[in-house]
PDB file of N, CA and C in Angstrom:
ATOM      1  N   UNK A   1      -9.122 -24.318   7.395  1.00  0.00           N
ATOM      2  CA  UNK A   1      -8.477 -23.147   7.946  1.00  0.00           C
ATOM      3  C   UNK A   1      -9.505 -22.110   8.349  1.00  0.00           C
ATOM      4  N   UNK A   2     -10.437 -21.819   7.483  1.00  0.00           N
ATOM      5  CA  UNK A   2     -11.458 -20.816   7.803  1.00  0.00           C
ATOM      6  C   UNK A   2     -12.447 -21.347   8.840  1.00  0.00           C
ATOM      7  N   UNK A   3     -12.675 -22.657   8.858  1.00  0.00           N
ATOM      8  CA  UNK A   3     -13.617 -23.244   9.815  1.00  0.00           C
ATOM      9  C   UNK A   3     -12.940 -23.772  11.077  1.00  0.00           C
ATOM     10  N   UNK A   4     -11.608 -23.707  11.134  1.00  0.00           N
ATOM     11  CA  UNK A   4     -10.868 -24.164  12.308  1.00  0.00           C
ATOM     12  C   UNK A   4     -10.967 -23.114  13.412  1.00  0.00           C
ATOM     13  N   UNK A   5     -11.255 -23.526  14.645  1.00  0.00           N
ATOM     14  CA  UNK A   5     -11.340 -22.559  15.746  1.00  0.00           C
ATOM     15  C   UNK A   5     -10.032 -21.786  15.939  1.00  0.00           C
ATOM     16  N   UNK A   6     -10.122 -20.575  16.406  1.00  0.00           N
ATOM     17  CA  UNK A   6      -8.942 -19.734  16.613  1.00  0.00           C
ATOM     18  C   UNK A   6      -7.962 -20.361  17.591  1.00  0.00           C
ATOM     19  N   UNK A   7      -8.463 -21.045  18.600  1.00  0.00           N
ATOM     20  CA  UNK A   7      -7.589 -21.692  19.586  1.00  0.00           C
ATOM     21  C   UNK A   7      -6.730 -22.782  18.959  1.00  0.00           C
ATOM     22  N   UNK A   8      -7.143 -23.269  17.792  1.00  0.00           N
ATOM     23  CA  UNK A   8      -6.389 -24.297  17.080  1.00  0.00           C
ATOM     24  C   UNK A   8      -5.634 -23.712  15.890  1.00  0.00           C
ATOM     25  N   UNK A   9      -5.507 -22.390  15.821  1.00  0.00           N
ATOM     26  CA  UNK A   9      -4.737 -21.743  14.761  1.00  0.00           C
ATOM     27  C   UNK A   9      -5.521 -21.354  13.530  1.00  0.00           C
ATOM     28  N   UNK A  10      -6.827 -21.491  13.558  1.00  0.00           N
ATOM     29  CA  UNK A  10      -7.657 -21.141  12.411  1.00  0.00           C
ATOM     30  C   UNK A  10      -8.218 -19.734  12.511  1.00  0.00           C
ATOM     31  N   UNK A  11      -9.129 -19.429  11.625  1.00  0.00           N
ATOM     32  CA  UNK A  11      -9.759 -18.112  11.603  1.00  0.00           C
ATOM     33  C   UNK A  11     -11.048 -18.060  12.409  1.00  0.00           C
ATOM     34  N   UNK A  12     -11.631 -19.202  12.670  1.00  0.00           N
ATOM     35  CA  UNK A  12     -12.797 -19.249  13.540  1.00  0.00           C
ATOM     36  C   UNK A  12     -14.094 -18.744  12.949  1.00  0.00           C
ATOM     37  N   UNK A  13     -14.329 -18.932  11.689  1.00  0.00           N
ATOM     38  CA  UNK A  13     -15.600 -18.534  11.077  1.00  0.00           C
ATOM     39  C   UNK A  13     -15.705 -17.045  10.808  1.00  0.00           C
ATOM     40  N   UNK A  14     -15.297 -16.627   9.641  1.00  0.00           N
ATOM     41  CA  UNK A  14     -15.352 -15.216   9.256  1.00  0.00           C
ATOM     42  C   UNK A  14     -16.755 -14.832   8.812  1.00  0.00           C
ATOM     43  N   UNK A  15     -17.070 -13.570   8.928  1.00  0.00           N
ATOM     44  CA  UNK A  15     -18.388 -13.071   8.527  1.00  0.00           C
ATOM     45  C   UNK A  15     -18.337 -12.418   7.144  1.00  0.00           C
ATOM     46  N   UNK A  16     -17.224 -12.586   6.442  1.00  0.00           N
ATOM     47  CA  UNK A  16     -17.073 -12.049   5.093  1.00  0.00           C
ATOM     48  C   UNK A  16     -16.355 -13.096   4.242  1.00  0.00           C
ATOM     49  N   UNK A  17     -16.548 -13.085   2.941  1.00  0.00           N
ATOM     50  CA  UNK A  17     -15.937 -14.108   2.081  1.00  0.00           C
ATOM     51  C   UNK A  17     -14.450 -13.859   1.844  1.00  0.00           C
ATOM     52  N   UNK A  18     -13.715 -14.945   1.640  1.00  0.00           N
ATOM     53  CA  UNK A  18     -12.315 -14.878   1.234  1.00  0.00           C
ATOM     54  C   UNK A  18     -12.224 -15.281  -0.229  1.00  0.00           C
ATOM     55  N   UNK A  19     -11.138 -14.902  -0.860  1.00  0.00           N
ATOM     56  CA  UNK A  19     -10.957 -15.176  -2.279  1.00  0.00           C
ATOM     57  C   UNK A  19      -9.623 -15.859  -2.495  1.00  0.00           C
ATOM     58  N   UNK A  20      -9.576 -16.850  -3.360  1.00  0.00           N
ATOM     59  CA  UNK A  20      -8.308 -17.465  -3.748  1.00  0.00           C
ATOM     60  C   UNK A  20      -7.997 -17.074  -5.184  1.00  0.00           C
ATOM     61  N   UNK A  21      -6.725 -17.186  -5.554  1.00  0.00           N
ATOM     62  CA  UNK A  21      -6.287 -16.715  -6.868  1.00  0.00           C
ATOM     63  C   UNK A  21      -5.295 -17.707  -7.479  1.00  0.00           C
ATOM     64  N   UNK A  22      -5.786 -18.892  -7.834  1.00  0.00           N
ATOM     65  CA  UNK A  22      -4.918 -19.930  -8.375  1.00  0.00           C
ATOM     66  C   UNK A  22      -4.255 -19.526  -9.687  1.00  0.00           C
ATOM     67  N   UNK A  23      -4.936 -18.752 -10.508  1.00  0.00           N
ATOM     68  CA  UNK A  23      -4.389 -18.355 -11.812  1.00  0.00           C
ATOM     69  C   UNK A  23      -3.488 -17.125 -11.718  1.00  0.00           C
ATOM     70  N   UNK A  24      -3.445 -16.472 -10.566  1.00  0.00           N
ATOM     71  CA  UNK A  24      -2.648 -15.265 -10.310  1.00  0.00           C
ATOM     72  C   UNK A  24      -3.137 -14.051 -11.093  1.00  0.00           C
ATOM     73  N   UNK A  25      -4.292 -14.149 -11.709  1.00  0.00           N
ATOM     74  CA  UNK A  25      -4.837 -13.044 -12.498  1.00  0.00           C
ATOM     75  C   UNK A  25      -5.243 -11.869 -11.608  1.00  0.00           C
ATOM     76  N   UNK A  26      -5.846 -12.140 -10.477  1.00  0.00           N
ATOM     77  CA  UNK A  26      -6.266 -11.063  -9.572  1.00  0.00           C
ATOM     78  C   UNK A  26      -5.046 -10.367  -8.985  1.00  0.00           C
ATOM     79  N   UNK A  27      -4.042 -11.144  -8.580  1.00  0.00           N
ATOM     80  CA  UNK A  27      -2.796 -10.556  -8.063  1.00  0.00           C
ATOM     81  C   UNK A  27      -2.157  -9.648  -9.102  1.00  0.00           C
ATOM     82  N   UNK A  28      -2.168 -10.099 -10.331  1.00  0.00           N
ATOM     83  CA  UNK A  28      -1.593  -9.315 -11.438  1.00  0.00           C
ATOM     84  C   UNK A  28      -2.364  -8.004 -11.618  1.00  0.00           C
ATOM     85  N   UNK A  29      -3.685  -8.082 -11.622  1.00  0.00           N
ATOM     86  CA  UNK A  29      -4.508  -6.881 -11.838  1.00  0.00           C
ATOM     87  C   UNK A  29      -4.416  -5.875 -10.693  1.00  0.00           C
ATOM     88  N   UNK A  30      -4.191  -6.359  -9.476  1.00  0.00           N
ATOM     89  CA  UNK A  30      -4.067  -5.462  -8.325  1.00  0.00           C
ATOM     90  C   UNK A  30      -2.627  -5.002  -8.093  1.00  0.00           C
ATOM     91  N   UNK A  31      -1.718  -5.451  -8.944  1.00  0.00           N
ATOM     92  CA  UNK A  31      -0.340  -4.971  -8.882  1.00  0.00           C
ATOM     93  C   UNK A  31       0.495  -5.525  -7.741  1.00  0.00           C
ATOM     94  N   UNK A  32       0.164  -6.715  -7.244  1.00  0.00           N
ATOM     95  CA  UNK A  32       0.944  -7.295  -6.155  1.00  0.00           C
ATOM     96  C   UNK A  32       1.690  -8.565  -6.572  1.00  0.00           C
ATOM     97  N   UNK A  33       1.704  -8.876  -7.863  1.00  0.00           N
ATOM     98  CA  UNK A  33       2.383 -10.071  -8.353  1.00  0.00           C
ATOM     99  C   UNK A  33       3.788  -9.719  -8.812  1.00  0.00           C
ATOM    100  N   UNK A  34       4.785 -10.432  -8.277  1.00  0.00           N
ATOM    101  CA  UNK A  34       6.173 -10.254  -8.690  1.00  0.00           C
ATOM    102  C   UNK A  34       6.483 -11.315  -9.744  1.00  0.00           C
ATOM    103  N   UNK A  35       6.293 -10.970 -10.989  1.00  0.00           N
ATOM    104  CA  UNK A  35       6.467 -11.914 -12.103  1.00  0.00           C
ATOM    105  C   UNK A  35       7.903 -12.415 -12.205  1.00  0.00           C
ATOM    106  N   UNK A  36       8.884 -11.539 -11.963  1.00  0.00           N
ATOM    107  CA  UNK A  36      10.297 -11.892 -12.121  1.00  0.00           C
ATOM    108  C   UNK A  36      10.755 -12.922 -11.091  1.00  0.00           C
ATOM    109  N   UNK A  37      10.073 -13.031  -9.990  1.00  0.00           N
ATOM    110  CA  UNK A  37      10.465 -13.961  -8.926  1.00  0.00           C
ATOM    111  C   UNK A  37       9.669 -15.258  -8.977  1.00  0.00           C
ATOM    112  N   UNK A  38       9.283 -15.682 -10.138  1.00  0.00           N
ATOM    113  CA  UNK A  38       8.545 -16.928 -10.277  1.00  0.00           C
ATOM    114  C   UNK A  38       7.060 -16.810 -10.032  1.00  0.00           C
ATOM    115  N   UNK A  39       6.549 -15.593 -10.077  1.00  0.00           N
ATOM    116  CA  UNK A  39       5.118 -15.398  -9.897  1.00  0.00           C
ATOM    117  C   UNK A  39       4.670 -15.419  -8.450  1.00  0.00           C
ATOM    118  N   UNK A  40       5.440 -14.788  -7.585  1.00  0.00           N
ATOM    119  CA  UNK A  40       5.091 -14.713  -6.168  1.00  0.00           C
ATOM    120  C   UNK A  40       4.233 -13.477  -5.935  1.00  0.00           C
ATOM    121  N   UNK A  41       3.127 -13.649  -5.242  1.00  0.00           N
ATOM    122  CA  UNK A  41       2.252 -12.517  -4.926  1.00  0.00           C
ATOM    123  C   UNK A  41       2.589 -11.972  -3.545  1.00  0.00           C
ATOM    124  N   UNK A  42       2.717 -10.659  -3.456  1.00  0.00           N
ATOM    125  CA  UNK A  42       2.900 -10.011  -2.165  1.00  0.00           C
ATOM    126  C   UNK A  42       1.603 -10.110  -1.381  1.00  0.00           C
ATOM    127  N   UNK A  43       1.696 -10.109  -0.083  1.00  0.00           N
ATOM    128  CA  UNK A  43       0.483 -10.118   0.732  1.00  0.00           C
ATOM    129  C   UNK A  43      -0.218  -8.784   0.595  1.00  0.00           C
ATOM    130  N   UNK A  44      -1.511  -8.837   0.539  1.00  0.00           N
ATOM    131  CA  UNK A  44      -2.271  -7.602   0.427  1.00  0.00           C
ATOM    132  C   UNK A  44      -3.654  -7.769   1.020  1.00  0.00           C
ATOM    133  N   UNK A  45      -4.195  -6.682   1.454  1.00  0.00           N
ATOM    134  CA  UNK A  45      -5.560  -6.660   1.968  1.00  0.00           C
ATOM    135  C   UNK A  45      -6.307  -5.595   1.195  1.00  0.00           C
ATOM    136  N   UNK A  46      -7.380  -5.991   0.549  1.00  0.00           N
ATOM    137  CA  UNK A  46      -8.174  -5.070  -0.245  1.00  0.00           C
ATOM    138  C   UNK A  46      -9.611  -5.146   0.244  1.00  0.00           C
ATOM    139  N   UNK A  47     -10.155  -4.033   0.647  1.00  0.00           N
ATOM    140  CA  UNK A  47     -11.550  -3.976   1.074  1.00  0.00           C
ATOM    141  C   UNK A  47     -12.351  -3.431  -0.097  1.00  0.00           C
ATOM    142  N   UNK A  48     -13.265  -4.230  -0.595  1.00  0.00           N
ATOM    143  CA  UNK A  48     -14.054  -3.855  -1.764  1.00  0.00           C
ATOM    144  C   UNK A  48     -15.478  -3.606  -1.302  1.00  0.00           C
ATOM    145  N   UNK A  49     -15.942  -2.394  -1.517  1.00  0.00           N
ATOM    146  CA  UNK A  49     -17.274  -2.018  -1.063  1.00  0.00           C
ATOM    147  C   UNK A  49     -18.226  -2.023  -2.239  1.00  0.00           C
TER     148      UNK A  49
END
């Protein structure tokens, strides 16, 4: 997905790192996890400097 060209629906090589959250711990700490709905995380964009 990150290495797929934009013309093919990908991101086309980003110049900044992406993060995944399989354990949902980061979503929980940033307050975007809806625990009552089966642990669904709301979409969010966080710029960390």
